ModelCIF file with pLDDT and N, C-alpha, C, O atoms, coordinates in Angstrom:
data_MODEL
#
_entry.id   MODEL 
#
_entity.id                         1 
_entity.type                       polymer 
_entity.pdbx_number_of_molecules   1 
#
_entity_poly.entity_id                      1 
_entity_poly.type                           'polypeptide(L)' 
_entity_poly.nstd_linkage                   no 
_entity_poly.nstd_monomer                   no 
_entity_poly.pdbx_seq_one_letter_code       
;(UNK)(UNK)(UNK)(UNK)(UNK)(UNK)(UNK)(UNK)(UNK)(UNK)(UNK)(UNK)(UNK)(UNK)(UNK)(UNK)
(UNK)(UNK)(UNK)(UNK)(UNK)(UNK)(UNK)(UNK)(UNK)(UNK)(UNK)(UNK)(UNK)(UNK)(UNK)
;
_entity_poly.pdbx_seq_one_letter_code_can   XXXXXXXXXXXXXXXXXXXXXXXXXXXXXXX 
_entity_poly.pdbx_strand_id                 A 
#
loop_
_entity_poly_seq.entity_id 
_entity_poly_seq.num 
_entity_poly_seq.mon_id 
_entity_poly_seq.hetero 
1 1  UNK n 
1 2  UNK n 
1 3  UNK n 
1 4  UNK n 
1 5  UNK n 
1 6  UNK n 
1 7  UNK n 
1 8  UNK n 
1 9  UNK n 
1 10 UNK n 
1 11 UNK n 
1 12 UNK n 
1 13 UNK n 
1 14 UNK n 
1 15 UNK n 
1 16 UNK n 
1 17 UNK n 
1 18 UNK n 
1 19 UNK n 
1 20 UNK n 
1 21 UNK n 
1 22 UNK n 
1 23 UNK n 
1 24 UNK n 
1 25 UNK n 
1 26 UNK n 
1 27 UNK n 
1 28 UNK n 
1 29 UNK n 
1 30 UNK n 
1 31 UNK n 
#
_struct_asym.id          A 
_struct_asym.entity_id   1 
#
loop_
_ma_qa_metric.id 
_ma_qa_metric.mode 
_ma_qa_metric.name 
_ma_qa_metric.software_group_id 
_ma_qa_metric.type 
1 global pLDDT . pLDDT 
2 local  pLDDT . pLDDT 
#
_ma_qa_metric_global.metric_id      1 
_ma_qa_metric_global.metric_value   96.58 
_ma_qa_metric_global.model_id       1 
_ma_qa_metric_global.ordinal_id     1 
#
loop_
_ma_qa_metric_local.label_asym_id 
_ma_qa_metric_local.label_comp_id 
_ma_qa_metric_local.label_seq_id 
_ma_qa_metric_local.metric_id 
_ma_qa_metric_local.metric_value 
_ma_qa_metric_local.model_id 
_ma_qa_metric_local.ordinal_id 
A UNK 1  2 93.00 1 1  
A UNK 2  2 96.00 1 2  
A UNK 3  2 96.00 1 3  
A UNK 4  2 98.00 1 4  
A UNK 5  2 98.00 1 5  
A UNK 6  2 97.00 1 6  
A UNK 7  2 97.00 1 7  
A UNK 8  2 98.00 1 8  
A UNK 9  2 98.00 1 9  
A UNK 10 2 97.00 1 10 
A UNK 11 2 97.00 1 11 
A UNK 12 2 98.00 1 12 
A UNK 13 2 97.00 1 13 
A UNK 14 2 97.00 1 14 
A UNK 15 2 96.00 1 15 
A UNK 16 2 97.00 1 16 
A UNK 17 2 98.00 1 17 
A UNK 18 2 97.00 1 18 
A UNK 19 2 96.00 1 19 
A UNK 20 2 96.00 1 20 
A UNK 21 2 97.00 1 21 
A UNK 22 2 97.00 1 22 
A UNK 23 2 98.00 1 23 
A UNK 24 2 97.00 1 24 
A UNK 25 2 97.00 1 25 
A UNK 26 2 96.00 1 26 
A UNK 27 2 95.00 1 27 
A UNK 28 2 94.00 1 28 
A UNK 29 2 94.00 1 29 
A UNK 30 2 95.00 1 30 
A UNK 31 2 97.00 1 31 
#
loop_
_atom_site.group_PDB 
_atom_site.id 
_atom_site.type_symbol 
_atom_site.label_atom_id 
_atom_site.label_alt_id 
_atom_site.label_comp_id 
_atom_site.label_asym_id 
_atom_site.label_entity_id 
_atom_site.label_seq_id 
_atom_site.pdbx_PDB_ins_code 
_atom_site.Cartn_x 
_atom_site.Cartn_y 
_atom_site.Cartn_z 
_atom_site.occupancy 
_atom_site.B_iso_or_equiv 
_atom_site.pdbx_formal_charge 
_atom_site.auth_seq_id 
_atom_site.auth_comp_id 
_atom_site.auth_asym_id 
_atom_site.auth_atom_id 
_atom_site.pdbx_PDB_model_num 
ATOM 1   N N  . UNK A 1 1  ? -3.218 6.730  -7.701  1.00 93.00 ? 1  UNK A N  1 
ATOM 2   C CA . UNK A 1 1  ? -3.136 8.009  -8.409  1.00 93.00 ? 1  UNK A CA 1 
ATOM 3   C C  . UNK A 1 1  ? -3.481 9.303  -7.609  1.00 93.00 ? 1  UNK A C  1 
ATOM 4   O O  . UNK A 1 1  ? -3.904 10.291 -8.210  1.00 93.00 ? 1  UNK A O  1 
ATOM 5   N N  . UNK A 1 2  ? -3.310 9.306  -6.311  1.00 96.00 ? 2  UNK A N  1 
ATOM 6   C CA . UNK A 1 2  ? -3.642 10.433 -5.475  1.00 96.00 ? 2  UNK A CA 1 
ATOM 7   C C  . UNK A 1 2  ? -2.409 10.780 -4.671  1.00 96.00 ? 2  UNK A C  1 
ATOM 8   O O  . UNK A 1 2  ? -2.468 11.676 -3.830  1.00 96.00 ? 2  UNK A O  1 
ATOM 9   N N  . UNK A 1 3  ? -1.309 10.116 -4.892  1.00 96.00 ? 3  UNK A N  1 
ATOM 10  C CA . UNK A 1 3  ? -0.138 10.409 -4.071  1.00 96.00 ? 3  UNK A CA 1 
ATOM 11  C C  . UNK A 1 3  ? -0.065 9.932  -2.714  1.00 96.00 ? 3  UNK A C  1 
ATOM 12  O O  . UNK A 1 3  ? 0.913  10.187 -2.011  1.00 96.00 ? 3  UNK A O  1 
ATOM 13  N N  . UNK A 1 4  ? -1.161 9.173  -2.257  1.00 98.00 ? 4  UNK A N  1 
ATOM 14  C CA . UNK A 1 4  ? -1.197 8.757  -0.922  1.00 98.00 ? 4  UNK A CA 1 
ATOM 15  C C  . UNK A 1 4  ? -0.121 7.711  -0.430  1.00 98.00 ? 4  UNK A C  1 
ATOM 16  O O  . UNK A 1 4  ? 0.339  7.709  0.713   1.00 98.00 ? 4  UNK A O  1 
ATOM 17  N N  . UNK A 1 5  ? 0.210  6.863  -1.381  1.00 98.00 ? 5  UNK A N  1 
ATOM 18  C CA . UNK A 1 5  ? 1.231  5.877  -1.071  1.00 98.00 ? 5  UNK A CA 1 
ATOM 19  C C  . UNK A 1 5  ? 2.534  6.620  -0.792  1.00 98.00 ? 5  UNK A C  1 
ATOM 20  O O  . UNK A 1 5  ? 3.197  6.317  0.200   1.00 98.00 ? 5  UNK A O  1 
ATOM 21  N N  . UNK A 1 6  ? 2.903  7.525  -1.581  1.00 97.00 ? 6  UNK A N  1 
ATOM 22  C CA . UNK A 1 6  ? 4.069  8.255  -1.427  1.00 97.00 ? 6  UNK A CA 1 
ATOM 23  C C  . UNK A 1 6  ? 4.077  9.096  -0.075  1.00 97.00 ? 6  UNK A C  1 
ATOM 24  O O  . UNK A 1 6  ? 5.095  9.137  0.617   1.00 97.00 ? 6  UNK A O  1 
ATOM 25  N N  . UNK A 1 7  ? 2.987  9.722  0.256   1.00 97.00 ? 7  UNK A N  1 
ATOM 26  C CA . UNK A 1 7  ? 2.864  10.534 1.372   1.00 97.00 ? 7  UNK A CA 1 
ATOM 27  C C  . UNK A 1 7  ? 2.970  9.676  2.715   1.00 97.00 ? 7  UNK A C  1 
ATOM 28  O O  . UNK A 1 7  ? 3.480  10.110 3.748   1.00 97.00 ? 7  UNK A O  1 
ATOM 29  N N  . UNK A 1 8  ? 2.457  8.490  2.575   1.00 98.00 ? 8  UNK A N  1 
ATOM 30  C CA . UNK A 1 8  ? 2.419  7.492  3.725   1.00 98.00 ? 8  UNK A CA 1 
ATOM 31  C C  . UNK A 1 8  ? 3.741  6.934  3.903   1.00 98.00 ? 8  UNK A C  1 
ATOM 32  O O  . UNK A 1 8  ? 4.101  6.690  5.055   1.00 98.00 ? 8  UNK A O  1 
ATOM 33  N N  . UNK A 1 9  ? 4.555  6.685  2.888   1.00 98.00 ? 9  UNK A N  1 
ATOM 34  C CA . UNK A 1 9  ? 5.929  6.351  2.840   1.00 98.00 ? 9  UNK A CA 1 
ATOM 35  C C  . UNK A 1 9  ? 6.786  7.247  3.424   1.00 98.00 ? 9  UNK A C  1 
ATOM 36  O O  . UNK A 1 9  ? 7.682  6.890  4.189   1.00 98.00 ? 9  UNK A O  1 
ATOM 37  N N  . UNK A 1 10 ? 6.546  8.539  3.075   1.00 97.00 ? 10 UNK A N  1 
ATOM 38  C CA . UNK A 1 10 ? 7.372  9.668  3.577   1.00 97.00 ? 10 UNK A CA 1 
ATOM 39  C C  . UNK A 1 10 ? 7.125  9.713  5.205   1.00 97.00 ? 10 UNK A C  1 
ATOM 40  O O  . UNK A 1 10 ? 8.069  9.762  5.993   1.00 97.00 ? 10 UNK A O  1 
ATOM 41  N N  . UNK A 1 11 ? 5.946  9.694  5.558   1.00 97.00 ? 11 UNK A N  1 
ATOM 42  C CA . UNK A 1 11 ? 5.552  9.721  6.986   1.00 97.00 ? 11 UNK A CA 1 
ATOM 43  C C  . UNK A 1 11 ? 6.299  8.606  7.787   1.00 97.00 ? 11 UNK A C  1 
ATOM 44  O O  . UNK A 1 11 ? 6.809  8.902  8.867   1.00 97.00 ? 11 UNK A O  1 
ATOM 45  N N  . UNK A 1 12 ? 6.380  7.359  7.306   1.00 98.00 ? 12 UNK A N  1 
ATOM 46  C CA . UNK A 1 12 ? 6.903  6.275  7.946   1.00 98.00 ? 12 UNK A CA 1 
ATOM 47  C C  . UNK A 1 12 ? 8.456  6.668  8.103   1.00 98.00 ? 12 UNK A C  1 
ATOM 48  O O  . UNK A 1 12 ? 9.059  6.616  9.175   1.00 98.00 ? 12 UNK A O  1 
ATOM 49  N N  . UNK A 1 13 ? 9.002  7.063  6.896   1.00 97.00 ? 13 UNK A N  1 
ATOM 50  C CA . UNK A 1 13 ? 10.473 7.474  7.002   1.00 97.00 ? 13 UNK A CA 1 
ATOM 51  C C  . UNK A 1 13 ? 10.857 8.385  8.037   1.00 97.00 ? 13 UNK A C  1 
ATOM 52  O O  . UNK A 1 13 ? 11.935 8.293  8.624   1.00 97.00 ? 13 UNK A O  1 
ATOM 53  N N  . UNK A 1 14 ? 9.860  9.403  8.310   1.00 97.00 ? 14 UNK A N  1 
ATOM 54  C CA . UNK A 1 14 ? 10.146 10.385 9.311   1.00 97.00 ? 14 UNK A CA 1 
ATOM 55  C C  . UNK A 1 14 ? 9.947  9.792  10.641  1.00 97.00 ? 14 UNK A C  1 
ATOM 56  O O  . UNK A 1 14 ? 10.754 10.076 11.526  1.00 97.00 ? 14 UNK A O  1 
ATOM 57  N N  . UNK A 1 15 ? 9.056  9.074  10.861  1.00 96.00 ? 15 UNK A N  1 
ATOM 58  C CA . UNK A 1 15 ? 8.778  8.385  12.175  1.00 96.00 ? 15 UNK A CA 1 
ATOM 59  C C  . UNK A 1 15 ? 8.062  6.969  12.024  1.00 96.00 ? 15 UNK A C  1 
ATOM 60  O O  . UNK A 1 15 ? 6.854  6.883  11.802  1.00 96.00 ? 15 UNK A O  1 
ATOM 61  N N  . UNK A 1 16 ? 8.846  5.938  12.152  1.00 97.00 ? 16 UNK A N  1 
ATOM 62  C CA . UNK A 1 16 ? 8.403  4.639  11.816  1.00 97.00 ? 16 UNK A CA 1 
ATOM 63  C C  . UNK A 1 16 ? 7.338  4.257  12.873  1.00 97.00 ? 16 UNK A C  1 
ATOM 64  O O  . UNK A 1 16 ? 7.665  3.913  14.009  1.00 97.00 ? 16 UNK A O  1 
ATOM 65  N N  . UNK A 1 17 ? 6.097  4.327  12.473  1.00 98.00 ? 17 UNK A N  1 
ATOM 66  C CA . UNK A 1 17 ? 4.958  3.925  13.409  1.00 98.00 ? 17 UNK A CA 1 
ATOM 67  C C  . UNK A 1 17 ? 4.706  2.466  13.515  1.00 98.00 ? 17 UNK A C  1 
ATOM 68  O O  . UNK A 1 17 ? 3.879  2.019  14.309  1.00 98.00 ? 17 UNK A O  1 
ATOM 69  N N  . UNK A 1 18 ? 5.413  1.718  12.718  1.00 97.00 ? 18 UNK A N  1 
ATOM 70  C CA . UNK A 1 18 ? 5.304  0.232  12.865  1.00 97.00 ? 18 UNK A CA 1 
ATOM 71  C C  . UNK A 1 18 ? 6.660  -0.374 12.472  1.00 97.00 ? 18 UNK A C  1 
ATOM 72  O O  . UNK A 1 18 ? 7.435  0.219  11.721  1.00 97.00 ? 18 UNK A O  1 
ATOM 73  N N  . UNK A 1 19 ? 6.910  -1.539 12.991  1.00 96.00 ? 19 UNK A N  1 
ATOM 74  C CA . UNK A 1 19 ? 8.191  -2.202 12.723  1.00 96.00 ? 19 UNK A CA 1 
ATOM 75  C C  . UNK A 1 19 ? 8.349  -2.674 11.198  1.00 96.00 ? 19 UNK A C  1 
ATOM 76  O O  . UNK A 1 19 ? 9.401  -2.698 10.560  1.00 96.00 ? 19 UNK A O  1 
ATOM 77  N N  . UNK A 1 20 ? 7.076  -3.043 10.759  1.00 96.00 ? 20 UNK A N  1 
ATOM 78  C CA . UNK A 1 20 ? 7.016  -3.434 9.406   1.00 96.00 ? 20 UNK A CA 1 
ATOM 79  C C  . UNK A 1 20 ? 5.877  -2.641 8.669   1.00 96.00 ? 20 UNK A C  1 
ATOM 80  O O  . UNK A 1 20 ? 4.787  -2.529 9.230   1.00 96.00 ? 20 UNK A O  1 
ATOM 81  N N  . UNK A 1 21 ? 6.080  -2.114 7.491   1.00 97.00 ? 21 UNK A N  1 
ATOM 82  C CA . UNK A 1 21 ? 4.976  -1.356 6.872   1.00 97.00 ? 21 UNK A CA 1 
ATOM 83  C C  . UNK A 1 21 ? 4.973  -1.949 5.353   1.00 97.00 ? 21 UNK A C  1 
ATOM 84  O O  . UNK A 1 21 ? 5.996  -1.989 4.670   1.00 97.00 ? 21 UNK A O  1 
ATOM 85  N N  . UNK A 1 22 ? 3.769  -2.380 4.933   1.00 97.00 ? 22 UNK A N  1 
ATOM 86  C CA . UNK A 1 22 ? 3.641  -2.822 3.481   1.00 97.00 ? 22 UNK A CA 1 
ATOM 87  C C  . UNK A 1 22 ? 2.588  -1.752 2.972   1.00 97.00 ? 22 UNK A C  1 
ATOM 88  O O  . UNK A 1 22 ? 1.560  -1.452 3.579   1.00 97.00 ? 22 UNK A O  1 
ATOM 89  N N  . UNK A 1 23 ? 2.990  -1.246 1.814   1.00 98.00 ? 23 UNK A N  1 
ATOM 90  C CA . UNK A 1 23 ? 2.060  -0.319 1.005   1.00 98.00 ? 23 UNK A CA 1 
ATOM 91  C C  . UNK A 1 23 ? 1.762  -0.977 -0.290  1.00 98.00 ? 23 UNK A C  1 
ATOM 92  O O  . UNK A 1 23 ? 2.711  -1.382 -0.961  1.00 98.00 ? 23 UNK A O  1 
ATOM 93  N N  . UNK A 1 24 ? 0.627  -1.117 -0.686  1.00 97.00 ? 24 UNK A N  1 
ATOM 94  C CA . UNK A 1 24 ? 0.224  -1.604 -1.989  1.00 97.00 ? 24 UNK A CA 1 
ATOM 95  C C  . UNK A 1 24 ? 0.052  -0.323 -2.873  1.00 97.00 ? 24 UNK A C  1 
ATOM 96  O O  . UNK A 1 24 ? -0.562 0.657  -2.451  1.00 97.00 ? 24 UNK A O  1 
ATOM 97  N N  . UNK A 1 25 ? 0.628  -0.371 -4.140  1.00 97.00 ? 25 UNK A N  1 
ATOM 98  C CA . UNK A 1 25 ? 0.486  0.717  -5.040  1.00 97.00 ? 25 UNK A CA 1 
ATOM 99  C C  . UNK A 1 25 ? 0.709  0.117  -6.515  1.00 97.00 ? 25 UNK A C  1 
ATOM 100 O O  . UNK A 1 25 ? 0.876  -1.078 -6.758  1.00 97.00 ? 25 UNK A O  1 
ATOM 101 N N  . UNK A 1 26 ? 0.685  1.093  -7.394  1.00 96.00 ? 26 UNK A N  1 
ATOM 102 C CA . UNK A 1 26 ? 0.801  0.830  -8.832  1.00 96.00 ? 26 UNK A CA 1 
ATOM 103 C C  . UNK A 1 26 ? 2.218  0.512  -9.185  1.00 96.00 ? 26 UNK A C  1 
ATOM 104 O O  . UNK A 1 26 ? 3.132  1.041  -8.553  1.00 96.00 ? 26 UNK A O  1 
ATOM 105 N N  . UNK A 1 27 ? 2.461  -0.376 -10.223 1.00 95.00 ? 27 UNK A N  1 
ATOM 106 C CA . UNK A 1 27 ? 3.773  -0.903 -10.440 1.00 95.00 ? 27 UNK A CA 1 
ATOM 107 C C  . UNK A 1 27 ? 4.638  0.302  -10.983 1.00 95.00 ? 27 UNK A C  1 
ATOM 108 O O  . UNK A 1 27 ? 5.865  0.276  -10.891 1.00 95.00 ? 27 UNK A O  1 
ATOM 109 N N  . UNK A 1 28 ? 3.977  1.330  -11.534 1.00 94.00 ? 28 UNK A N  1 
ATOM 110 C CA . UNK A 1 28 ? 4.875  2.442  -12.190 1.00 94.00 ? 28 UNK A CA 1 
ATOM 111 C C  . UNK A 1 28 ? 5.255  3.397  -10.971 1.00 94.00 ? 28 UNK A C  1 
ATOM 112 O O  . UNK A 1 28 ? 6.126  4.240  -11.187 1.00 94.00 ? 28 UNK A O  1 
ATOM 113 N N  . UNK A 1 29 ? 4.721  3.339  -9.816  1.00 94.00 ? 29 UNK A N  1 
ATOM 114 C CA . UNK A 1 29 ? 5.168  4.205  -8.817  1.00 94.00 ? 29 UNK A CA 1 
ATOM 115 C C  . UNK A 1 29 ? 6.382  3.551  -8.031  1.00 94.00 ? 29 UNK A C  1 
ATOM 116 O O  . UNK A 1 29 ? 6.347  2.377  -7.664  1.00 94.00 ? 29 UNK A O  1 
ATOM 117 N N  . UNK A 1 30 ? 7.437  4.377  -7.804  1.00 95.00 ? 30 UNK A N  1 
ATOM 118 C CA . UNK A 1 30 ? 8.416  3.937  -7.003  1.00 95.00 ? 30 UNK A CA 1 
ATOM 119 C C  . UNK A 1 30 ? 8.481  4.784  -5.663  1.00 95.00 ? 30 UNK A C  1 
ATOM 120 O O  . UNK A 1 30 ? 8.740  5.987  -5.694  1.00 95.00 ? 30 UNK A O  1 
ATOM 121 N N  . UNK A 1 31 ? 8.236  4.107  -4.501  1.00 97.00 ? 31 UNK A N  1 
ATOM 122 C CA . UNK A 1 31 ? 8.156  4.847  -3.288  1.00 97.00 ? 31 UNK A CA 1 
ATOM 123 C C  . UNK A 1 31 ? 9.624  5.098  -2.800  1.00 97.00 ? 31 UNK A C  1 
ATOM 124 O O  . UNK A 1 31 ? 9.830  5.724  -1.760  1.00 97.00 ? 31 UNK A O  1 
#
């Protein structure tokens, strides 16, 4: 509920800092 998952996903989309990224988040949130 702080928007951190979304911000992290956007950062990875800008510059993939890992080959694989897994982000845990609430079911209602679509990254």
